[in-house]
Amino acid sequence: MLYSFSDFTLETDRRELRRGAEPISVTPQVFDLLNYLIRNRERVVSKDDLVREVWGGRIVSDAALTTRLNGARSAIGDTGDKQHFIKTFPRKGFRFVGAVQEARRPPNETAGPIRPTGDTPPQLSIVVLPFTNLSGDREQDYFADGVTESLSTDLSRISGSFVIAQNSAISYKGRAVDVRQVGRELNIRYVLEGSVQRSGKRLRVSVQLIDAENGNHLWAERFDKPVADLFDMQDEIVSRLANTLGAQLIQAEARRSERSLHPDARDLYFQGRAWLMKGFSPECVAQARSFFERSLDVDPGNVEAMIGLANVDTAIGSSFATDDGPARFAAAEAMAIKALSISPNYTPAHLAWGWVQIFTSRAAQGMRQFEHALALDSNKATAHAALGFAKFYMGRAAETEGHILEALRLSPRDVEVYLWRCYVGAAKLQLASDVEAVSWLRRSTEANRNFPLAHLLLAAALSLSGALDEARTAARTGLELNSGFTIRRFLLAAQQSDNPAYLAGFERVCEGLRLAGVPEG
């Protein structure tokens, strides 16, 4: 069944919510809640109705129910104040009040996604096999099924991915399978399988990503946590896995692309993205630019490569190693706007445009782009981290750490962890908390040795803490990675914000850099 309201479509067969042609990621409970409210839109439904029909009568806390209602409202543009679609009737319940049109799928269309044709599996094609319940407790099946379905939904947000629908994947439930045979049957490149085991008051979730072509294990992860609210746990586990898997799949595709004799536009994009994941050293950025430019030569409409190129230009413009920063930022902004004109709801494009605005004296506008990215994908860890950086530029450094901790909660092993830790280190320097800055910046350099700014900020923090010998060593490391860095170029960045707290913090950092022996330039 298709339910259309405003510019949204809820498709029950495919379990998809779309705005126009763009899918909107929601958790299974949020989808079921929306579906139930729309189907019963002629009446007010009570909290007991929702618990009985959406959660099967299981005990659900008021906080969990409120979280799902807020998720449903956020997905369709409602808020607690502006209830255009889901209206709350105090002490009675809830009702879907939007105008809805119903339609049935034509009988010649399939409920699941169209299976790709041809002998070669498409790029980023994956199936999430039903997670196995190892608890011996059949009541835990619903938790395992919820993780499976939510992961399929979240992975489908990756641009260009092909994720086998759960109504196809469910056929493998309870069967011992050969992942290579699964790959041949579904014509996919990757298989994700996992298990759930509850023992007493602890829950263990294990997952592994497998190359369906040869059966090689590409990545594995395990969560071992005390049992709390199972729905909240499910959301946390799924968000962590989805954030990490996105990077793992891109790296796997980049390795495949290196072996291709005739790489296409996406092959070249994957290789460029893999270089950026290594860090923002001049070599990494130059290699990434080359691949993104080649990708656009092959396909001038490749939105992913456009944003890759925008990110490269932003990285160079903000590296303090060039005097043509304004031109770089202008090029990055033009590319981000072009990408958004093609794909208005492409989350990375909103992030890319926000970063340009941050570095061109428009921090408030940049923050709105980051918030819009979160509205499109509330589990986007990089968007939470970007908000933390924006607060630092707006002189609100005390708020930065909270945003970064949320990003780390969602994706604790993210490839950009080194950046996030550096953001907090910079914020701590602005707050004159130099010892804490040293701690965060050390962890940034440990996470990625190829990021020059972290070494240089560490040098400043060490100098201001009185550790001059260590500071000079850190400064030399940073300058080896970025020989064009000077205090003069660093000071040019002060023009990106007129906030007094930001400017005062910037002067402190320059003082520390001078003590560490960084050239004035």
Protein backbone atom coordinates (compact mmCIF):
# COMPACT_ATOMS: atom_id res chain seq x y z
CA MET A 1 0.00 0.00 0.00
CA LEU A 2 1.15 3.54 -0.81
CA TYR A 3 0.10 6.42 1.45
CA SER A 4 0.83 9.92 0.12
CA PHE A 5 0.60 13.11 2.21
CA SER A 6 2.08 16.49 1.34
CA ASP A 7 5.29 15.54 -0.53
CA PHE A 8 5.83 12.35 1.50
CA THR A 9 5.11 8.74 0.56
CA LEU A 10 4.90 5.81 2.97
CA GLU A 11 5.20 2.50 1.13
CA THR A 12 4.29 -0.43 3.35
CA ASP A 13 5.45 -3.25 1.04
CA ARG A 14 8.97 -1.90 0.83
CA ARG A 15 8.84 -0.36 4.30
CA GLU A 16 10.06 2.93 2.87
CA LEU A 17 9.36 6.54 3.77
CA ARG A 18 10.26 9.01 1.03
CA ARG A 19 10.13 12.75 0.53
CA GLY A 20 9.78 13.14 -3.20
CA ALA A 21 12.23 10.58 -4.61
CA GLU A 22 14.59 10.74 -1.63
CA PRO A 23 14.34 7.98 1.02
CA ILE A 24 14.16 9.03 4.67
CA SER A 25 15.81 6.73 7.17
CA VAL A 26 13.64 5.76 10.16
CA THR A 27 13.88 2.97 12.69
CA PRO A 28 11.45 0.03 12.38
CA GLN A 29 9.40 1.19 15.38
CA VAL A 30 9.09 4.71 13.94
CA PHE A 31 7.96 3.28 10.59
CA ASP A 32 5.41 1.00 12.29
CA LEU A 33 4.16 3.87 14.44
CA LEU A 34 3.66 6.11 11.38
CA ASN A 35 1.99 3.28 9.50
CA TYR A 36 -0.42 2.61 12.37
CA LEU A 37 -1.29 6.28 12.85
CA ILE A 38 -1.95 6.76 9.13
CA ARG A 39 -4.07 3.61 8.84
CA ASN A 40 -6.14 4.73 11.85
CA ARG A 41 -6.25 8.42 10.95
CA GLU A 42 -10.04 8.62 11.38
CA ARG A 43 -9.72 8.34 15.15
CA VAL A 44 -7.59 9.26 18.14
CA VAL A 45 -5.38 6.34 19.18
CA SER A 46 -4.28 5.97 22.78
CA LYS A 47 -0.86 5.17 24.18
CA ASP A 48 -2.16 1.70 25.00
CA ASP A 49 -3.22 1.25 21.37
CA LEU A 50 0.29 2.11 20.18
CA VAL A 51 1.99 -0.19 22.69
CA ARG A 52 -0.35 -3.06 21.79
CA GLU A 53 -0.16 -2.67 17.99
CA VAL A 54 3.38 -1.35 17.42
CA TRP A 55 5.25 -3.11 20.23
CA GLY A 56 3.09 -6.22 20.49
CA GLY A 57 2.03 -5.46 24.07
CA ARG A 58 5.57 -5.49 25.45
CA ILE A 59 6.40 -3.15 28.33
CA VAL A 60 7.51 0.19 26.86
CA SER A 61 8.60 3.17 28.93
CA ASP A 62 6.99 6.55 28.39
CA ALA A 63 10.44 7.89 27.44
CA ALA A 64 10.85 5.25 24.71
CA LEU A 65 7.38 5.97 23.33
CA THR A 66 8.06 9.72 23.34
CA THR A 67 11.37 9.15 21.56
CA ARG A 68 9.65 7.18 18.78
CA LEU A 69 6.89 9.80 18.44
CA ASN A 70 9.49 12.54 18.22
CA GLY A 71 11.34 10.48 15.61
CA ALA A 72 8.16 10.12 13.56
CA ARG A 73 7.45 13.85 13.78
CA SER A 74 11.01 14.78 12.87
CA ALA A 75 10.98 12.48 9.84
CA ILE A 76 7.96 14.25 8.34
CA GLY A 77 8.81 17.79 9.39
CA ASP A 78 6.56 18.06 12.44
CA THR A 79 7.57 19.33 15.86
CA GLY A 80 5.90 19.37 19.25
CA ASP A 81 4.72 22.92 18.53
CA LYS A 82 3.90 22.65 14.81
CA GLN A 83 1.74 19.54 14.60
CA HIS A 84 0.80 19.57 10.92
CA PHE A 85 0.50 15.78 10.67
CA ILE A 86 0.63 14.12 14.10
CA LYS A 87 -1.56 15.94 16.61
CA THR A 88 -1.46 15.28 20.34
CA PHE A 89 -4.76 15.30 22.20
CA PRO A 90 -3.90 15.77 25.91
CA ARG A 91 -4.96 12.83 28.10
CA LYS A 92 -6.51 11.12 25.07
CA GLY A 93 -3.81 10.15 22.60
CA PHE A 94 -2.66 10.95 19.10
CA ARG A 95 -4.14 11.28 15.64
CA PHE A 96 -2.71 11.65 12.13
CA VAL A 97 -4.48 14.77 10.81
CA GLY A 98 -2.77 15.25 7.44
CA ALA A 99 -4.64 14.70 4.17
CA VAL A 100 -3.75 11.23 2.88
CA GLN A 101 -4.19 9.59 -0.51
CA GLU A 102 -4.06 5.80 -0.80
CA ALA A 103 -2.93 3.71 -3.75
CA ARG A 104 -2.04 0.08 -4.28
CA ARG A 105 1.14 -1.03 -6.02
CA PRO A 106 0.42 -2.23 -9.56
CA PRO A 107 0.28 -6.03 -9.57
CA ASN A 108 3.19 -6.35 -12.03
CA GLU A 109 5.58 -4.56 -9.61
CA THR A 110 7.51 -6.48 -6.99
CA ALA A 111 7.43 -5.58 -3.33
CA GLY A 112 11.18 -5.73 -2.85
CA PRO A 113 13.99 -4.01 -4.75
CA ILE A 114 14.66 -5.11 -8.30
CA ARG A 115 17.38 -7.71 -8.34
CA PRO A 116 20.36 -6.46 -10.32
CA THR A 117 20.97 -8.18 -13.60
CA GLY A 118 24.22 -9.27 -15.18
CA ASP A 119 27.13 -11.40 -14.01
CA THR A 120 28.97 -8.69 -12.09
CA PRO A 121 27.48 -7.67 -8.73
CA PRO A 122 26.90 -3.92 -8.44
CA GLN A 123 29.15 -1.74 -6.31
CA LEU A 124 28.19 -1.41 -2.64
CA SER A 125 25.72 -4.30 -2.92
CA ILE A 126 25.09 -6.04 0.40
CA VAL A 127 22.65 -8.26 2.25
CA VAL A 128 22.16 -8.19 6.00
CA LEU A 129 21.40 -11.80 6.89
CA PRO A 130 18.96 -12.34 9.77
CA PHE A 131 20.91 -12.13 13.00
CA THR A 132 21.04 -15.38 14.95
CA ASN A 133 19.60 -15.48 18.47
CA LEU A 134 22.06 -17.53 20.56
CA SER A 135 20.32 -16.84 23.86
CA GLY A 136 18.08 -19.88 23.94
CA ASP A 137 15.33 -17.39 24.75
CA ARG A 138 12.85 -17.07 21.91
CA GLU A 139 11.70 -13.73 23.27
CA GLN A 140 15.03 -12.30 22.14
CA ASP A 141 14.15 -13.01 18.51
CA TYR A 142 12.39 -9.67 18.19
CA PHE A 143 15.58 -7.85 19.26
CA ALA A 144 17.72 -9.75 16.73
CA ASP A 145 15.14 -9.10 14.01
CA GLY A 146 14.98 -5.42 14.92
CA VAL A 147 18.77 -5.01 14.63
CA THR A 148 18.71 -6.80 11.27
CA GLU A 149 15.95 -4.68 9.82
CA SER A 150 17.28 -1.39 11.16
CA LEU A 151 20.73 -2.08 9.74
CA SER A 152 19.25 -2.77 6.31
CA THR A 153 17.41 0.55 6.49
CA ASP A 154 20.44 2.55 7.66
CA LEU A 155 22.83 1.02 5.11
CA SER A 156 20.43 1.91 2.30
CA ARG A 157 21.15 5.58 3.10
CA ILE A 158 24.68 5.19 1.71
CA SER A 159 24.59 6.89 -1.67
CA GLY A 160 24.55 4.38 -4.51
CA SER A 161 24.25 1.34 -2.25
CA PHE A 162 22.13 -1.68 -3.16
CA VAL A 163 20.78 -3.36 -0.03
CA ILE A 164 18.73 -6.52 -0.40
CA ALA A 165 15.29 -6.06 1.14
CA GLN A 166 14.53 -7.94 4.33
CA ASN A 167 11.61 -9.78 2.74
CA SER A 168 14.26 -11.47 0.56
CA ALA A 169 16.96 -11.83 3.23
CA ILE A 170 14.50 -13.43 5.67
CA SER A 171 14.47 -16.58 3.52
CA TYR A 172 17.93 -17.40 4.95
CA LYS A 173 16.78 -17.27 8.57
CA GLY A 174 17.65 -20.36 10.57
CA ARG A 175 19.69 -21.86 7.75
CA ALA A 176 23.39 -22.69 7.68
CA VAL A 177 24.56 -20.77 4.63
CA ASP A 178 27.65 -20.52 2.44
CA VAL A 179 28.13 -16.77 1.98
CA ARG A 180 29.61 -17.34 -1.47
CA GLN A 181 26.43 -19.13 -2.52
CA VAL A 182 24.37 -16.27 -1.04
CA GLY A 183 26.44 -13.85 -3.09
CA ARG A 184 25.76 -15.79 -6.29
CA GLU A 185 22.04 -16.18 -5.58
CA LEU A 186 21.51 -12.48 -4.80
CA ASN A 187 24.24 -11.12 -7.11
CA ILE A 188 25.86 -9.04 -4.36
CA ARG A 189 29.40 -8.26 -3.22
CA TYR A 190 29.11 -8.26 0.56
CA VAL A 191 27.35 -10.20 3.30
CA LEU A 192 26.86 -8.95 6.84
CA GLU A 193 26.00 -11.60 9.40
CA GLY A 194 25.71 -11.45 13.14
CA SER A 195 24.40 -12.92 16.36
CA VAL A 196 22.72 -11.80 19.57
CA GLN A 197 23.32 -13.50 22.90
CA ARG A 198 21.84 -12.53 26.25
CA SER A 199 23.27 -13.92 29.43
CA GLY A 200 21.85 -12.67 32.70
CA LYS A 201 22.06 -8.89 32.67
CA ARG A 202 24.48 -8.60 29.75
CA LEU A 203 23.90 -8.60 26.01
CA ARG A 204 26.50 -9.48 23.39
CA VAL A 205 26.09 -8.60 19.70
CA SER A 206 28.71 -9.87 17.25
CA VAL A 207 28.89 -8.93 13.55
CA GLN A 208 31.20 -9.62 10.64
CA LEU A 209 31.45 -8.25 7.11
CA ILE A 210 32.36 -10.85 4.50
CA ASP A 211 33.42 -10.64 0.86
CA ALA A 212 30.78 -12.74 -0.89
CA GLU A 213 33.08 -13.44 -3.82
CA ASN A 214 35.77 -15.32 -1.89
CA GLY A 215 34.41 -15.69 1.65
CA ASN A 216 37.17 -13.54 3.20
CA HIS A 217 36.33 -11.74 6.43
CA LEU A 218 36.83 -8.01 5.94
CA TRP A 219 35.87 -6.65 9.35
CA ALA A 220 34.38 -7.77 12.65
CA GLU A 221 33.02 -6.05 15.74
CA ARG A 222 31.52 -7.09 19.07
CA PHE A 223 29.34 -5.20 21.54
CA ASP A 224 29.20 -6.44 25.12
CA LYS A 225 26.89 -4.24 27.20
CA PRO A 226 24.71 -4.38 30.28
CA VAL A 227 21.06 -4.75 29.39
CA ALA A 228 19.11 -1.51 29.70
CA ASP A 229 16.24 -0.30 27.52
CA LEU A 230 16.41 -2.78 24.63
CA PHE A 231 15.00 -0.29 22.14
CA ASP A 232 17.60 2.33 23.05
CA MET A 233 20.29 -0.34 22.91
CA GLN A 234 19.12 -1.40 19.47
CA ASP A 235 19.31 2.19 18.20
CA GLU A 236 22.80 2.67 19.64
CA ILE A 237 24.17 -0.58 18.23
CA VAL A 238 22.66 0.03 14.80
CA SER A 239 23.92 3.61 14.59
CA ARG A 240 27.45 2.55 15.55
CA LEU A 241 27.47 -0.28 13.03
CA ALA A 242 26.01 1.81 10.21
CA ASN A 243 28.54 4.63 10.71
CA THR A 244 31.46 2.19 10.74
CA LEU A 245 30.20 -0.01 7.91
CA GLY A 246 29.87 2.95 5.56
CA ALA A 247 33.62 3.56 5.81
CA GLN A 248 34.46 -0.17 5.65
CA LEU A 249 32.46 -0.64 2.45
CA ILE A 250 34.09 2.37 0.77
CA GLN A 251 37.54 1.06 1.65
CA ALA A 252 36.65 -2.39 0.33
CA GLU A 253 35.37 -0.87 -2.92
CA ALA A 254 38.56 1.22 -3.21
CA ARG A 255 40.66 -1.95 -2.97
CA ARG A 256 38.56 -3.57 -5.69
CA SER A 257 38.85 -0.48 -7.86
CA GLU A 258 42.64 -0.55 -7.70
CA ARG A 259 42.53 -3.90 -9.50
CA SER A 260 40.17 -2.70 -12.23
CA LEU A 261 41.63 -2.25 -15.71
CA HIS A 262 38.79 0.07 -16.72
CA PRO A 263 37.63 1.99 -13.63
CA ASP A 264 34.32 3.81 -13.93
CA ALA A 265 33.37 7.10 -12.26
CA ARG A 266 32.40 5.44 -8.97
CA ASP A 267 35.55 3.30 -8.92
CA LEU A 268 37.58 6.50 -9.14
CA TYR A 269 35.42 8.18 -6.49
CA PHE A 270 36.00 5.29 -4.06
CA GLN A 271 39.76 5.59 -4.49
CA GLY A 272 39.62 9.35 -3.90
CA ARG A 273 37.49 8.87 -0.80
CA ALA A 274 39.91 6.25 0.53
CA TRP A 275 42.79 8.72 0.21
CA LEU A 276 40.87 11.38 2.17
CA MET A 277 40.16 8.80 4.87
CA LYS A 278 43.93 8.48 5.40
CA GLY A 279 44.25 12.11 6.46
CA PHE A 280 44.67 15.68 5.27
CA SER A 281 48.40 15.71 4.56
CA PRO A 282 49.30 17.39 1.24
CA GLU A 283 49.98 13.98 -0.35
CA CYS A 284 46.63 12.51 0.70
CA VAL A 285 44.73 15.59 -0.46
CA ALA A 286 46.56 15.72 -3.81
CA GLN A 287 45.88 12.04 -4.49
CA ALA A 288 42.22 12.45 -3.57
CA ARG A 289 41.86 15.46 -5.89
CA SER A 290 43.32 13.50 -8.80
CA PHE A 291 40.82 10.68 -8.42
CA PHE A 292 37.81 12.99 -7.92
CA GLU A 293 38.76 15.01 -11.03
CA ARG A 294 39.13 11.83 -13.07
CA SER A 295 35.75 10.64 -11.81
CA LEU A 296 34.11 13.87 -12.97
CA ASP A 297 35.85 13.58 -16.34
CA VAL A 298 34.14 10.21 -16.79
CA ASP A 299 30.79 11.37 -15.35
CA PRO A 300 30.34 15.16 -15.01
CA GLY A 301 27.11 14.58 -13.06
CA ASN A 302 28.65 12.43 -10.31
CA VAL A 303 27.42 14.16 -7.15
CA GLU A 304 29.69 12.12 -4.88
CA ALA A 305 32.81 13.20 -6.77
CA MET A 306 31.59 16.82 -6.72
CA ILE A 307 31.42 16.74 -2.94
CA GLY A 308 34.75 14.93 -2.77
CA LEU A 309 36.31 17.78 -4.76
CA ALA A 310 34.54 20.39 -2.60
CA ASN A 311 35.98 18.74 0.52
CA VAL A 312 39.45 18.74 -1.01
CA ASP A 313 39.27 22.46 -1.80
CA THR A 314 37.96 23.20 1.70
CA ALA A 315 40.78 21.13 3.23
CA ILE A 316 43.40 23.04 1.24
CA GLY A 317 41.81 26.43 1.94
CA SER A 318 41.77 25.73 5.68
CA SER A 319 45.24 24.14 5.86
CA PHE A 320 47.11 27.41 6.63
CA ALA A 321 49.57 26.41 3.89
CA THR A 322 48.32 28.55 1.01
CA ASP A 323 47.47 32.16 0.28
CA ASP A 324 44.65 31.36 -2.13
CA GLY A 325 42.18 30.21 0.54
CA PRO A 326 39.34 32.46 -0.71
CA ALA A 327 39.57 31.00 -4.20
CA ARG A 328 39.56 27.46 -2.79
CA PHE A 329 36.51 28.16 -0.65
CA ALA A 330 34.69 29.78 -3.59
CA ALA A 331 35.34 26.70 -5.73
CA ALA A 332 34.19 24.40 -2.93
CA GLU A 333 30.98 26.38 -2.41
CA ALA A 334 30.16 26.39 -6.13
CA MET A 335 30.61 22.62 -6.25
CA ALA A 336 28.47 22.04 -3.15
CA ILE A 337 25.65 24.22 -4.52
CA LYS A 338 25.83 22.41 -7.86
CA ALA A 339 25.58 19.05 -6.10
CA LEU A 340 22.57 20.23 -4.08
CA SER A 341 20.83 21.43 -7.24
CA ILE A 342 21.05 17.84 -8.50
CA SER A 343 20.36 16.08 -5.19
CA PRO A 344 18.76 18.46 -2.65
CA ASN A 345 18.66 15.90 0.18
CA TYR A 346 22.21 14.56 -0.23
CA THR A 347 23.48 14.84 3.33
CA PRO A 348 27.23 15.11 2.51
CA ALA A 349 26.46 18.09 0.25
CA HIS A 350 24.83 19.97 3.13
CA LEU A 351 27.83 19.16 5.30
CA ALA A 352 30.26 20.33 2.62
CA TRP A 353 28.43 23.62 2.15
CA GLY A 354 28.29 24.11 5.91
CA TRP A 355 32.07 23.71 6.20
CA VAL A 356 32.64 26.34 3.53
CA GLN A 357 30.35 28.73 5.38
CA ILE A 358 32.18 28.10 8.65
CA PHE A 359 35.49 29.07 7.04
CA THR A 360 34.09 32.16 5.32
CA SER A 361 32.70 34.12 8.29
CA ARG A 362 29.23 32.54 8.15
CA ALA A 363 29.33 30.20 11.12
CA ALA A 364 25.62 30.59 11.94
CA GLN A 365 24.63 29.63 8.38
CA GLY A 366 27.07 26.72 8.46
CA MET A 367 25.53 25.49 11.69
CA ARG A 368 22.10 25.51 10.03
CA GLN A 369 23.46 23.31 7.24
CA PHE A 370 24.79 20.86 9.82
CA GLU A 371 21.43 20.86 11.60
CA HIS A 372 19.71 20.19 8.29
CA ALA A 373 22.06 17.25 7.72
CA LEU A 374 21.02 15.87 11.11
CA ALA A 375 17.36 16.31 10.23
CA LEU A 376 18.02 14.12 7.19
CA ASP A 377 20.04 11.59 9.19
CA SER A 378 19.96 11.89 12.97
CA ASN A 379 22.67 9.23 13.33
CA LYS A 380 25.20 11.07 11.13
CA ALA A 381 28.14 11.20 13.52
CA THR A 382 30.12 13.60 11.31
CA ALA A 383 27.24 16.12 11.48
CA HIS A 384 27.29 16.05 15.29
CA ALA A 385 31.06 16.63 15.21
CA ALA A 386 30.66 19.48 12.70
CA LEU A 387 28.21 21.20 15.06
CA GLY A 388 30.83 21.02 17.79
CA PHE A 389 33.36 22.71 15.52
CA ALA A 390 30.83 25.41 14.57
CA LYS A 391 30.26 26.21 18.25
CA PHE A 392 34.02 26.70 18.67
CA TYR A 393 34.08 29.21 15.80
CA MET A 394 31.15 31.06 17.35
CA GLY A 395 33.01 31.51 20.63
CA ARG A 396 30.98 28.80 22.37
CA ALA A 397 33.88 26.43 22.93
CA ALA A 398 32.40 25.10 26.18
CA GLU A 399 29.69 23.37 24.09
CA THR A 400 32.09 21.68 21.65
CA GLU A 401 33.00 18.69 23.80
CA GLY A 402 29.37 17.61 24.24
CA HIS A 403 28.79 17.41 20.48
CA ILE A 404 32.02 15.46 19.97
CA LEU A 405 31.12 13.00 22.73
CA GLU A 406 27.80 12.38 20.95
CA ALA A 407 29.66 11.76 17.67
CA LEU A 408 31.99 9.35 19.47
CA ARG A 409 29.03 7.56 21.03
CA LEU A 410 27.53 7.00 17.59
CA SER A 411 30.80 6.06 15.89
CA PRO A 412 33.61 5.44 18.39
CA ARG A 413 35.98 3.97 15.79
CA ASP A 414 35.21 6.40 13.00
CA VAL A 415 37.96 7.20 10.49
CA GLU A 416 37.49 10.88 11.43
CA VAL A 417 37.99 10.39 15.17
CA TYR A 418 41.36 12.15 14.91
CA LEU A 419 39.60 15.28 13.57
CA TRP A 420 36.96 15.24 16.29
CA ARG A 421 39.55 14.97 19.05
CA CYS A 422 41.44 17.87 17.47
CA TYR A 423 38.27 20.00 17.56
CA VAL A 424 37.98 19.46 21.31
CA GLY A 425 41.69 20.21 21.75
CA ALA A 426 41.25 23.53 19.92
CA ALA A 427 38.19 24.32 22.05
CA LYS A 428 40.10 23.59 25.25
CA LEU A 429 42.87 25.96 24.11
CA GLN A 430 40.24 28.66 23.58
CA LEU A 431 39.05 28.02 27.14
CA ALA A 432 42.66 28.16 28.48
CA SER A 433 42.32 24.54 29.66
CA ASP A 434 45.78 23.68 28.36
CA VAL A 435 46.29 20.39 30.20
CA GLU A 436 43.00 19.03 28.86
CA ALA A 437 43.95 20.34 25.40
CA VAL A 438 47.21 18.36 25.53
CA SER A 439 45.30 15.18 26.40
CA TRP A 440 42.80 15.54 23.54
CA LEU A 441 45.45 16.54 20.99
CA ARG A 442 47.76 13.67 21.93
CA ARG A 443 44.88 11.29 21.28
CA SER A 444 44.25 13.02 17.95
CA THR A 445 47.84 12.46 16.79
CA GLU A 446 47.74 8.86 18.01
CA ALA A 447 44.61 8.21 15.96
CA ASN A 448 46.17 9.59 12.77
CA ARG A 449 49.79 10.68 12.37
CA ASN A 450 49.08 12.37 9.01
CA PHE A 451 47.10 15.39 10.26
CA PRO A 452 49.52 18.33 10.55
CA LEU A 453 47.24 20.71 12.48
CA ALA A 454 46.87 18.33 15.43
CA HIS A 455 50.66 18.21 15.88
CA LEU A 456 50.91 22.00 15.65
CA LEU A 457 48.07 22.65 18.10
CA LEU A 458 49.66 20.08 20.41
CA ALA A 459 52.87 22.09 20.18
CA ALA A 460 50.99 25.23 21.21
CA ALA A 461 49.24 23.46 24.10
CA LEU A 462 52.52 21.97 25.36
CA SER A 463 54.25 25.36 25.15
CA LEU A 464 51.50 27.04 27.12
CA SER A 465 51.74 24.22 29.68
CA GLY A 466 55.50 24.79 30.07
CA ALA A 467 56.71 21.64 28.26
CA LEU A 468 58.86 23.46 25.70
CA ASP A 469 61.08 20.53 24.61
CA GLU A 470 58.08 18.36 23.82
CA ALA A 471 56.41 21.33 22.17
CA ARG A 472 59.30 21.86 19.75
CA THR A 473 59.30 18.16 18.85
CA ALA A 474 55.57 18.30 18.08
CA ALA A 475 56.06 21.47 16.03
CA ARG A 476 58.79 19.85 13.93
CA THR A 477 56.50 16.88 13.22
CA GLY A 478 53.67 19.18 12.13
CA LEU A 479 55.94 21.26 9.89
CA GLU A 480 57.35 18.12 8.24
CA LEU A 481 53.78 17.21 7.27
CA ASN A 482 52.87 20.77 6.23
CA SER A 483 55.97 22.76 5.34
CA GLY A 484 53.88 25.75 4.20
CA PHE A 485 52.39 26.42 7.64
CA THR A 486 53.27 29.82 9.13
CA ILE A 487 51.85 31.93 11.94
CA ARG A 488 51.03 34.65 9.40
CA ARG A 489 48.81 32.27 7.45
CA PHE A 490 47.35 30.94 10.66
CA LEU A 491 46.43 34.48 11.68
CA LEU A 492 44.54 34.94 8.44
CA ALA A 493 42.09 32.39 9.81
CA ALA A 494 41.18 34.87 12.53
CA GLN A 495 39.24 36.74 9.87
CA GLN A 496 36.80 33.83 9.69
CA SER A 497 35.12 34.95 12.93
CA ASP A 498 34.71 38.25 14.75
CA ASN A 499 33.72 36.63 18.05
CA PRO A 500 35.85 38.10 20.89
CA ALA A 501 36.23 34.74 22.70
CA TYR A 502 37.35 33.07 19.50
CA LEU A 503 39.86 35.84 18.71
CA ALA A 504 41.30 35.80 22.22
CA GLY A 505 41.76 32.04 22.03
CA PHE A 506 43.43 32.40 18.66
CA GLU A 507 45.98 34.82 20.10
CA ARG A 508 46.80 32.31 22.85
CA VAL A 509 47.45 29.61 20.27
CA CYS A 510 49.75 31.92 18.28
CA GLU A 511 51.68 32.66 21.46
CA GLY A 512 52.14 28.93 22.01
CA LEU A 513 53.21 28.35 18.41
CA ARG A 514 55.88 31.04 18.67
CA LEU A 515 57.26 29.46 21.84
CA ALA A 516 57.41 26.14 20.02
CA GLY A 517 59.50 27.60 17.21
CA VAL A 518 56.90 27.75 14.42
CA PRO A 519 58.03 30.28 11.77
CA GLU A 520 56.32 33.65 11.65
CA GLY A 521 56.26 33.59 7.84
